[in-house]
Structure formats: C-alpha cells, structure tokens
N, C-alpha and C. Protein backbone atom coordinates (compact mmCIF):
# COMPACT_ATOMS: atom_id res chain seq x y z
N UNK A 1 -9.95 -2.91 4.89
CA UNK A 1 -8.88 -2.60 5.53
C UNK A 1 -7.54 -3.63 4.41
N UNK A 2 -6.74 -2.16 4.92
CA UNK A 2 -5.29 -2.76 3.60
C UNK A 2 -4.99 -3.68 4.69
N UNK A 3 -3.89 -5.09 4.03
CA UNK A 3 -2.47 -5.76 4.14
C UNK A 3 -1.54 -5.05 4.82
N UNK A 4 -1.23 -6.06 5.35
CA UNK A 4 0.40 -4.89 5.96
C UNK A 4 1.42 -5.15 4.52
N UNK A 5 0.74 -6.20 3.67
CA UNK A 5 1.88 -5.87 2.44
C UNK A 5 1.13 -4.87 1.46
N UNK A 6 0.14 -4.86 1.36
CA UNK A 6 -0.59 -3.87 0.57
C UNK A 6 -0.09 -2.41 0.89
N UNK A 7 -0.15 -1.69 2.52
CA UNK A 7 0.73 -0.67 3.07
C UNK A 7 2.01 -0.91 3.18
N UNK A 8 2.34 -1.55 3.14
CA UNK A 8 4.69 -1.73 2.68
C UNK A 8 4.03 -1.58 1.25
N UNK A 9 3.76 -1.08 0.58
CA UNK A 9 3.95 -1.66 -1.21
C UNK A 9 3.60 -0.09 -1.26
N UNK A 10 2.20 1.13 -0.79
CA UNK A 10 2.25 2.01 -0.88
C UNK A 10 3.48 3.03 0.00
N UNK A 11 3.44 2.48 0.34
CA UNK A 11 4.88 3.09 1.62
C UNK A 11 5.91 2.87 1.40
N UNK A 12 6.40 2.44 0.59
CA UNK A 12 7.70 2.41 -0.75
C UNK A 12 7.26 2.86 -2.41
N UNK A 13 6.10 2.64 -2.52
CA UNK A 13 5.88 3.97 -3.39
C UNK A 13 5.57 5.13 -3.22
N UNK A 14 5.65 5.83 -1.84
CA UNK A 14 5.35 7.11 -1.11
C UNK A 14 7.18 7.41 -1.40
N UNK A 15 7.71 6.57 -0.90
CA UNK A 15 9.56 6.98 -0.45
C UNK A 15 10.47 6.74 -2.48
N UNK A 16 9.83 5.77 -3.22
CA UNK A 16 10.15 5.76 -4.46
C UNK A 16 9.70 6.72 -5.58
N UNK A 17 8.70 8.04 -4.93
CA UNK A 17 8.83 8.78 -5.01
C UNK A 17 9.69 10.20 -4.60
N UNK A 18 9.91 9.83 -3.43
CA UNK A 18 11.08 10.58 -3.14
C UNK A 18 12.56 10.77 -3.39
N UNK A 19 13.25 9.12 -3.92
CA UNK A 19 14.46 8.86 -4.39
C UNK A 19 14.53 9.65 -5.63
N UNK A 20 13.38 9.89 -6.50
CA UNK A 20 12.66 9.95 -7.63
C UNK A 20 13.45 11.67 -7.87
N UNK A 21 13.06 12.23 -6.98
CA UNK A 21 12.87 14.01 -6.84
C UNK A 21 14.48 14.22 -6.30
N UNK A 22 15.22 13.43 -6.07
CA UNK A 22 16.38 13.29 -5.08
C UNK A 22 17.27 12.92 -6.17
N UNK A 23 17.71 11.78 -6.60
CA UNK A 23 17.95 12.21 -7.44
C UNK A 23 18.67 12.73 -9.04
N UNK A 24 17.47 13.09 -8.97
CA UNK A 24 17.17 14.15 -10.20
C UNK A 24 17.19 15.52 -10.04
N UNK A 25 17.03 15.28 -8.53
CA UNK A 25 18.36 17.00 -8.64
C UNK A 25 19.49 16.66 -8.79
N UNK A 26 20.13 15.90 -8.81
CA UNK A 26 21.21 15.59 -8.80
C UNK A 26 21.70 15.17 -10.11
N UNK A 27 20.77 15.35 -10.56
CA UNK A 27 21.45 14.58 -12.86
C UNK A 27 21.16 13.25 -13.00
N UNK A 28 20.46 12.17 -11.84
CA UNK A 28 21.24 10.99 -11.29
C UNK A 28 19.88 9.76 -11.44
N UNK A 29 19.87 8.58 -12.31
CA UNK A 29 19.07 8.46 -11.87
C UNK A 29 19.09 7.45 -10.93
N UNK A 30 18.13 6.39 -9.89
CA UNK A 30 17.76 5.59 -8.64
C UNK A 30 19.10 4.68 -8.75
N UNK A 31 19.57 3.91 -10.40
CA UNK A 31 19.90 3.01 -11.40
C UNK A 31 21.89 3.40 -10.60
N UNK A 32 21.94 4.35 -11.35
CA UNK A 32 23.67 4.55 -11.53
C UNK A 32 23.06 5.57 -9.87
N UNK A 33 22.56 5.61 -9.27
CA UNK A 33 23.08 5.92 -7.75
C UNK A 33 23.28 4.50 -6.86
N UNK A 34 22.93 3.32 -7.27
CA UNK A 34 23.49 1.47 -6.92
C UNK A 34 24.57 1.43 -6.89
N UNK A 35 24.48 1.95 -8.52
CA UNK A 35 25.87 1.64 -9.63
C UNK A 35 27.16 2.06 -8.65
N UNK A 36 27.08 3.23 -8.46
CA UNK A 36 28.27 4.07 -7.58
C UNK A 36 28.09 3.53 -6.22
N UNK A 37 27.70 3.17 -5.56
CA UNK A 37 27.34 2.21 -4.24
C UNK A 37 28.19 0.83 -4.23
N UNK A 38 27.89 0.06 -5.72
CA UNK A 38 28.50 -0.57 -5.92
C UNK A 38 29.45 -0.81 -5.52
N UNK A 39 29.93 0.59 -6.95
CA UNK A 39 31.36 -0.04 -7.25
C UNK A 39 33.35 1.00 -6.32
N UNK A 40 32.03 2.04 -5.78
CA UNK A 40 32.89 2.83 -3.89
C UNK A 40 33.05 1.15 -2.87
N UNK A 41 31.86 0.43 -3.16
CA UNK A 41 31.99 -1.12 -2.45
C UNK A 41 33.44 -1.85 -2.71
N UNK A 42 34.16 -2.06 -3.86
CA UNK A 42 34.83 -2.33 -4.96
C UNK A 42 34.72 -3.88 -5.97
N UNK A 43 33.02 -3.47 -6.12
CA UNK A 43 33.17 -3.96 -7.29
C UNK A 43 33.14 -3.39 -8.75
N UNK A 44 34.85 -3.58 -9.25
CA UNK A 44 34.94 -2.52 -10.01
C UNK A 44 34.72 -3.47 -11.32
N UNK A 45 33.94 -4.56 -12.09
CA UNK A 45 33.94 -4.29 -13.25
C UNK A 45 32.63 -5.36 -13.61
N UNK A 46 32.53 -5.11 -15.04
CA UNK A 46 30.99 -4.97 -15.28
C UNK A 46 30.21 -7.04 -14.99
N UNK A 47 31.38 -7.39 -14.63
CA UNK A 47 31.28 -9.24 -14.13
C UNK A 47 30.94 -8.91 -12.60
N UNK A 48 31.91 -8.95 -12.14
CA UNK A 48 31.72 -8.46 -10.45
C UNK A 48 30.23 -7.69 -10.28
N UNK A 49 30.04 -6.83 -10.93
CA UNK A 49 28.27 -5.80 -10.63
C UNK A 49 26.95 -6.82 -10.97
N UNK A 50 27.38 -7.31 -12.32
CA UNK A 50 26.06 -8.35 -12.91
C UNK A 50 25.71 -9.44 -11.73
N UNK A 51 27.17 -10.16 -11.34
CA UNK A 51 27.23 -11.33 -10.94
C UNK A 51 25.75 -10.52 -9.24
N UNK A 52 26.55 -9.76 -8.62
CA UNK A 52 25.61 -9.55 -7.93
C UNK A 52 24.44 -9.09 -7.71
N UNK A 53 24.51 -8.09 -8.60
CA UNK A 53 22.82 -7.96 -8.85
C UNK A 53 21.55 -8.29 -10.02
N UNK A 54 22.70 -9.39 -10.49
CA UNK A 54 21.47 -10.41 -11.71
C UNK A 54 20.97 -9.67 -12.44
N UNK A 55 22.18 -8.19 -13.00
CA UNK A 55 21.31 -7.44 -13.99
C UNK A 55 22.03 -8.40 -14.86
N UNK A 56 21.16 -8.21 -16.12
CA UNK A 56 21.26 -9.08 -18.11
C UNK A 56 22.97 -7.97 -18.01
N UNK A 57 23.63 -8.49 -19.70
CA UNK A 57 24.58 -7.35 -19.05
C UNK A 57 24.42 -6.00 -20.59
N UNK A 58 23.44 -6.63 -20.61
CA UNK A 58 23.11 -5.05 -22.00
C UNK A 58 22.73 -4.01 -20.91
N UNK A 59 21.07 -4.10 -19.81
CA UNK A 59 21.38 -3.24 -19.02
C UNK A 59 22.60 -2.76 -18.88
N UNK A 60 23.08 -3.25 -18.02
CA UNK A 60 24.37 -3.73 -17.27
C UNK A 60 25.07 -2.62 -18.28
N UNK A 61 25.33 -2.57 -18.68
CA UNK A 61 26.27 -1.53 -19.90
C UNK A 61 25.57 -0.21 -20.07
N UNK A 62 24.29 -0.21 -20.55
CA UNK A 62 23.72 1.17 -20.82
C UNK A 62 24.39 1.61 -19.29
N UNK A 63 23.63 1.10 -18.31
CA UNK A 63 23.93 2.19 -17.19
C UNK A 63 25.68 2.80 -16.84
N UNK A 64 26.01 2.08 -17.05
CA UNK A 64 27.56 1.38 -17.27
C UNK A 64 27.80 3.05 -18.37
N UNK A 65 28.05 2.79 -18.62
CA UNK A 65 27.77 3.98 -20.65
C UNK A 65 27.69 5.14 -19.64
N UNK A 66 26.11 5.48 -18.81
CA UNK A 66 25.67 6.63 -19.21
C UNK A 66 26.32 7.41 -17.55
N UNK A 67 26.76 6.82 -16.50
CA UNK A 67 27.10 6.94 -15.60
C UNK A 67 28.90 7.52 -15.92
N UNK A 68 29.31 7.05 -16.81
CA UNK A 68 30.58 7.49 -17.43
C UNK A 68 29.93 8.37 -18.15
N UNK A 69 28.80 9.22 -19.29
CA UNK A 69 29.40 9.61 -20.51
C UNK A 69 28.77 11.32 -19.04
N UNK A 70 27.80 10.63 -17.62
CA UNK A 70 27.37 12.00 -17.08
C UNK A 70 28.45 12.25 -15.63
N UNK A 71 29.86 11.48 -16.55
CA UNK A 71 31.64 11.57 -14.99
C UNK A 71 31.16 11.30 -13.78
N UNK A 72 30.29 10.50 -13.77
CA UNK A 72 30.03 9.52 -12.44
C UNK A 72 31.35 8.67 -11.87
N UNK A 73 31.86 8.40 -12.51
CA UNK A 73 32.97 6.82 -13.19
C UNK A 73 33.56 7.52 -13.70
N UNK A 74 35.12 7.04 -13.64
CA UNK A 74 36.25 6.11 -14.38
C UNK A 74 36.74 5.25 -15.11
N UNK A 75 36.97 5.02 -16.48
CA UNK A 75 36.86 3.27 -16.94
C UNK A 75 38.47 3.40 -17.57
N UNK A 76 39.19 1.63 -16.15
CA UNK A 76 40.25 1.69 -17.38
C UNK A 76 40.33 0.56 -17.89
N UNK A 77 40.57 0.61 -19.21
CA UNK A 77 40.64 -1.17 -19.78
C UNK A 77 42.39 -1.78 -19.14
N UNK A 78 41.81 -3.09 -19.15
CA UNK A 78 43.22 -3.61 -18.88
C UNK A 78 43.38 -4.97 -19.47
N UNK A 79 44.05 -5.87 -19.46
CA UNK A 79 43.65 -7.33 -20.08
C UNK A 79 44.84 -7.25 -21.52
N UNK A 80 45.14 -8.25 -21.95
CA UNK A 80 45.22 -8.18 -23.15
C UNK A 80 45.63 -7.91 -24.29
N UNK A 81 43.80 -8.23 -24.38
CA UNK A 81 43.29 -6.97 -25.34
C UNK A 81 42.04 -5.80 -25.04
N UNK A 82 43.33 -5.30 -23.53
CA UNK A 82 42.49 -4.46 -23.42
C UNK A 82 40.32 -4.14 -23.38
N UNK A 83 39.83 -5.26 -23.00
CA UNK A 83 38.59 -5.85 -23.62
C UNK A 83 37.48 -5.42 -22.20
N UNK A 84 38.40 -5.82 -21.38
CA UNK A 84 38.03 -5.83 -19.83
C UNK A 84 38.14 -4.52 -19.20
N UNK A 85 37.44 -3.95 -18.24
CA UNK A 85 37.39 -1.64 -18.16
C UNK A 85 37.35 -2.51 -16.32
N UNK A 86 37.94 -1.35 -15.71
CA UNK A 86 37.72 -1.61 -14.85
C UNK A 86 36.98 -0.48 -14.41
N UNK A 87 36.00 0.31 -13.43
CA UNK A 87 35.30 1.37 -13.26
C UNK A 87 35.75 1.81 -11.53
N UNK A 88 36.19 2.88 -11.29
CA UNK A 88 36.36 3.94 -10.51
C UNK A 88 34.77 4.98 -10.36
N UNK A 89 35.11 5.34 -9.52
CA UNK A 89 34.38 6.52 -8.31
C UNK A 89 34.96 8.05 -9.60
N UNK A 90 34.24 8.67 -9.34
CA UNK A 90 34.95 10.26 -9.36
C UNK A 90 34.43 11.23 -9.10
N UNK A 91 35.36 12.20 -9.00
CA UNK A 91 35.33 13.21 -7.63
C UNK A 91 33.86 13.76 -7.69
N UNK A 92 33.37 14.64 -8.86
CA UNK A 92 32.21 13.88 -9.40
C UNK A 92 31.05 13.43 -8.88
N UNK A 93 31.07 11.32 -8.99
CA UNK A 93 30.40 10.67 -7.82
C UNK A 93 30.57 10.40 -6.47
N UNK A 94 31.84 10.92 -6.11
CA UNK A 94 31.85 10.86 -5.02
C UNK A 94 31.11 12.37 -4.22
N UNK A 95 31.64 13.43 -4.58
CA UNK A 95 30.22 14.04 -3.94
C UNK A 95 28.73 14.12 -4.05
N UNK A 96 29.06 13.18 -5.59
CA UNK A 96 27.15 13.48 -5.67
C UNK A 96 26.46 12.38 -4.52
N UNK A 97 28.16 11.28 -4.28
CA UNK A 97 27.27 10.08 -3.13
C UNK A 97 26.93 10.68 -1.28
N UNK A 98 28.31 11.85 -1.50
CA UNK A 98 28.12 12.84 -0.53
C UNK A 98 27.00 13.54 0.21
N UNK A 99 26.39 14.18 -1.22
CA UNK A 99 25.27 15.05 -1.54
C UNK A 99 23.41 14.43 -1.08
N UNK A 100 23.56 12.59 -1.62
CA UNK A 100 22.48 12.73 -1.99
C UNK A 100 22.49 11.35 -0.72
N UNK A 101 23.64 11.03 0.09
CA UNK A 101 23.50 10.54 1.72
C UNK A 101 22.89 11.79 2.70
N UNK A 102 23.32 12.82 2.95
CA UNK A 102 23.11 14.21 3.65
C UNK A 102 21.74 13.61 3.66
N UNK A 103 20.83 13.81 2.03
CA UNK A 103 19.67 14.47 1.31
C UNK A 103 18.76 12.61 2.91
N UNK A 104 19.94 11.75 1.97
CA UNK A 104 18.60 10.83 2.58
C UNK A 104 18.37 10.68 4.12
N UNK A 105 19.68 11.37 4.98
CA UNK A 105 19.73 10.77 6.59
C UNK A 105 18.16 12.16 6.44
N UNK A 106 18.41 13.48 6.02
CA UNK A 106 17.36 13.99 5.99
C UNK A 106 15.88 13.25 5.94
N UNK A 107 16.08 12.77 4.95
CA UNK A 107 14.39 12.17 5.10
C UNK A 107 14.12 10.71 5.39
N UNK A 108 15.39 10.65 6.36
CA UNK A 108 15.26 9.38 7.30
C UNK A 108 15.01 10.34 8.24
N UNK A 109 15.25 11.54 9.05
CA UNK A 109 15.42 11.73 10.67
C UNK A 109 13.79 12.44 10.29
N UNK A 110 13.03 13.14 9.46
CA UNK A 110 11.72 13.57 8.99
C UNK A 110 10.54 12.07 9.24
N UNK A 111 10.90 11.29 8.33
CA UNK A 111 10.05 10.27 8.51
C UNK A 111 9.62 10.19 9.91
N UNK A 112 11.08 9.57 10.50
CA UNK A 112 10.67 9.41 11.66
C UNK A 112 10.65 10.14 12.83
N UNK A 113 10.39 10.70 12.86
CA UNK A 113 10.98 12.67 14.05
C UNK A 113 10.15 12.06 15.47
N UNK A 114 8.38 11.64 15.41
CA UNK A 114 7.88 11.61 15.67
C UNK A 114 8.06 9.93 16.56
N UNK A 115 8.28 9.00 15.77
CA UNK A 115 8.71 8.16 16.91
C UNK A 115 9.91 7.83 17.46
N UNK A 116 9.38 6.65 18.30
CA UNK A 116 10.34 7.07 20.09
C UNK A 116 11.45 5.58 19.60
N UNK A 117 12.52 5.61 20.35
CA UNK A 117 13.19 4.02 19.82
C UNK A 117 12.38 2.74 20.02
N UNK A 118 12.32 2.33 21.43
CA UNK A 118 11.55 1.22 20.25
C UNK A 118 10.15 0.97 19.84
N UNK A 119 10.13 2.08 19.57
CA UNK A 119 8.45 1.90 17.85
C UNK A 119 10.09 1.58 16.49
N UNK A 120 10.65 2.44 16.50
CA UNK A 120 12.15 1.87 15.53
C UNK A 120 12.68 0.78 15.97
N UNK A 121 13.07 1.04 16.99
CA UNK A 121 13.13 -0.79 17.62
C UNK A 121 12.62 -2.56 17.01
N UNK A 122 10.74 -2.20 17.02
CA UNK A 122 10.37 -2.51 16.62
C UNK A 122 9.65 -3.01 15.44
N UNK A 123 10.41 -2.32 14.26
CA UNK A 123 9.81 -1.51 12.89
C UNK A 123 11.12 -2.11 12.01
N UNK A 124 12.23 -2.63 13.03
CA UNK A 124 13.35 -3.49 12.41
C UNK A 124 13.64 -4.45 12.25
N UNK A 125 12.68 -4.82 13.80
CA UNK A 125 12.97 -6.20 13.74
C UNK A 125 11.73 -7.43 12.73
N UNK A 126 10.47 -6.27 12.93
CA UNK A 126 9.17 -7.19 12.17
C UNK A 126 10.03 -6.93 10.76
N UNK A 127 9.93 -6.57 10.36
CA UNK A 127 10.72 -6.06 8.79
C UNK A 127 12.02 -6.88 8.35
N UNK A 128 12.79 -7.66 9.79
CA UNK A 128 13.64 -8.34 9.46
C UNK A 128 12.81 -9.86 9.42
N UNK A 129 11.64 -9.61 10.28
CA UNK A 129 11.62 -10.53 10.38
C UNK A 129 10.36 -10.97 9.39
N UNK A 130 9.50 -10.29 8.95
CA UNK A 130 9.45 -9.89 7.57
C UNK A 130 9.95 -11.00 5.72
N UNK A 131 10.99 -9.89 6.13
CA UNK A 131 12.82 -9.86 5.63
C UNK A 131 12.84 -11.47 5.01
N UNK A 132 12.86 -12.46 5.94
CA UNK A 132 14.04 -13.77 6.09
C UNK A 132 11.70 -14.37 6.16
N UNK A 133 11.05 -13.60 5.74
CA UNK A 133 9.61 -15.14 5.90
C UNK A 133 9.66 -14.59 4.73
N UNK A 134 9.65 -14.14 3.61
CA UNK A 134 9.37 -14.11 2.33
C UNK A 134 10.24 -14.08 0.85
C-alpha cells in the first residue's frame, strides 16, 4: 500500500504532465509562466524575483532572456549606468496568462467534478495541515 506522501508525489507527477502539455500549447515553459505571474504581481527586477524565488542569478537571467525573446516580457534599463532592468508583462504575455488561467480552471473543474463541497473543504484543510507539518 502506498503512503500518503507517495500518493501526493504521484498526483504531483500526473498534474505536472498536464502543466507541461498546457504550457507547450502556449509555447512557454512552466518556469516562464511562473515568471510572468511574479512580474505581474509587482516583482519587476531580477533582484526582487531572485529574493522571492531563491533562484540563482544565472538561471533567472536565462529564463528572463527567454521570456523577452518570446515577447512575453518587456525590459527597460534604468539607473545611472543603465544596468538595472525593470521588467513588465507584454500584451502577448497578458493574453497567454489569461488563456492559461482559463485552462487551469477547466482542469481543476474536471479533476474535482465528482467531489462535493465537504470533500473539497476537507482536502484543503488536510493539505494546509500537511504544508505546516513539512
């Protein structure tokens, strides 16, 4: 019999497969999607994003360059030496975020279509408790 954590790991792997497929349909990666969400929320510099995500500078820099190249993000140089960059989500990036959010809502609805409100509430409580325990 599987442990609870094994079941969670399996569910996570299955969900991740769906995420990868969804992101590919929009021509982006999961990492780029997360960047768009972070920048949309107000984390507009590499330093702010790095602090929030604990990503090293080289990894984050590669991800940002890729998102700019795909026209998901704009960047503007600021400061006296023009070395600091301020990022913002482009119209294409905004459109992709909306489309992805709609598809994620559809996936969520499909996954939980046979669950009643009590089961959903119980799952939320148990997952919250698990997160605090870990």
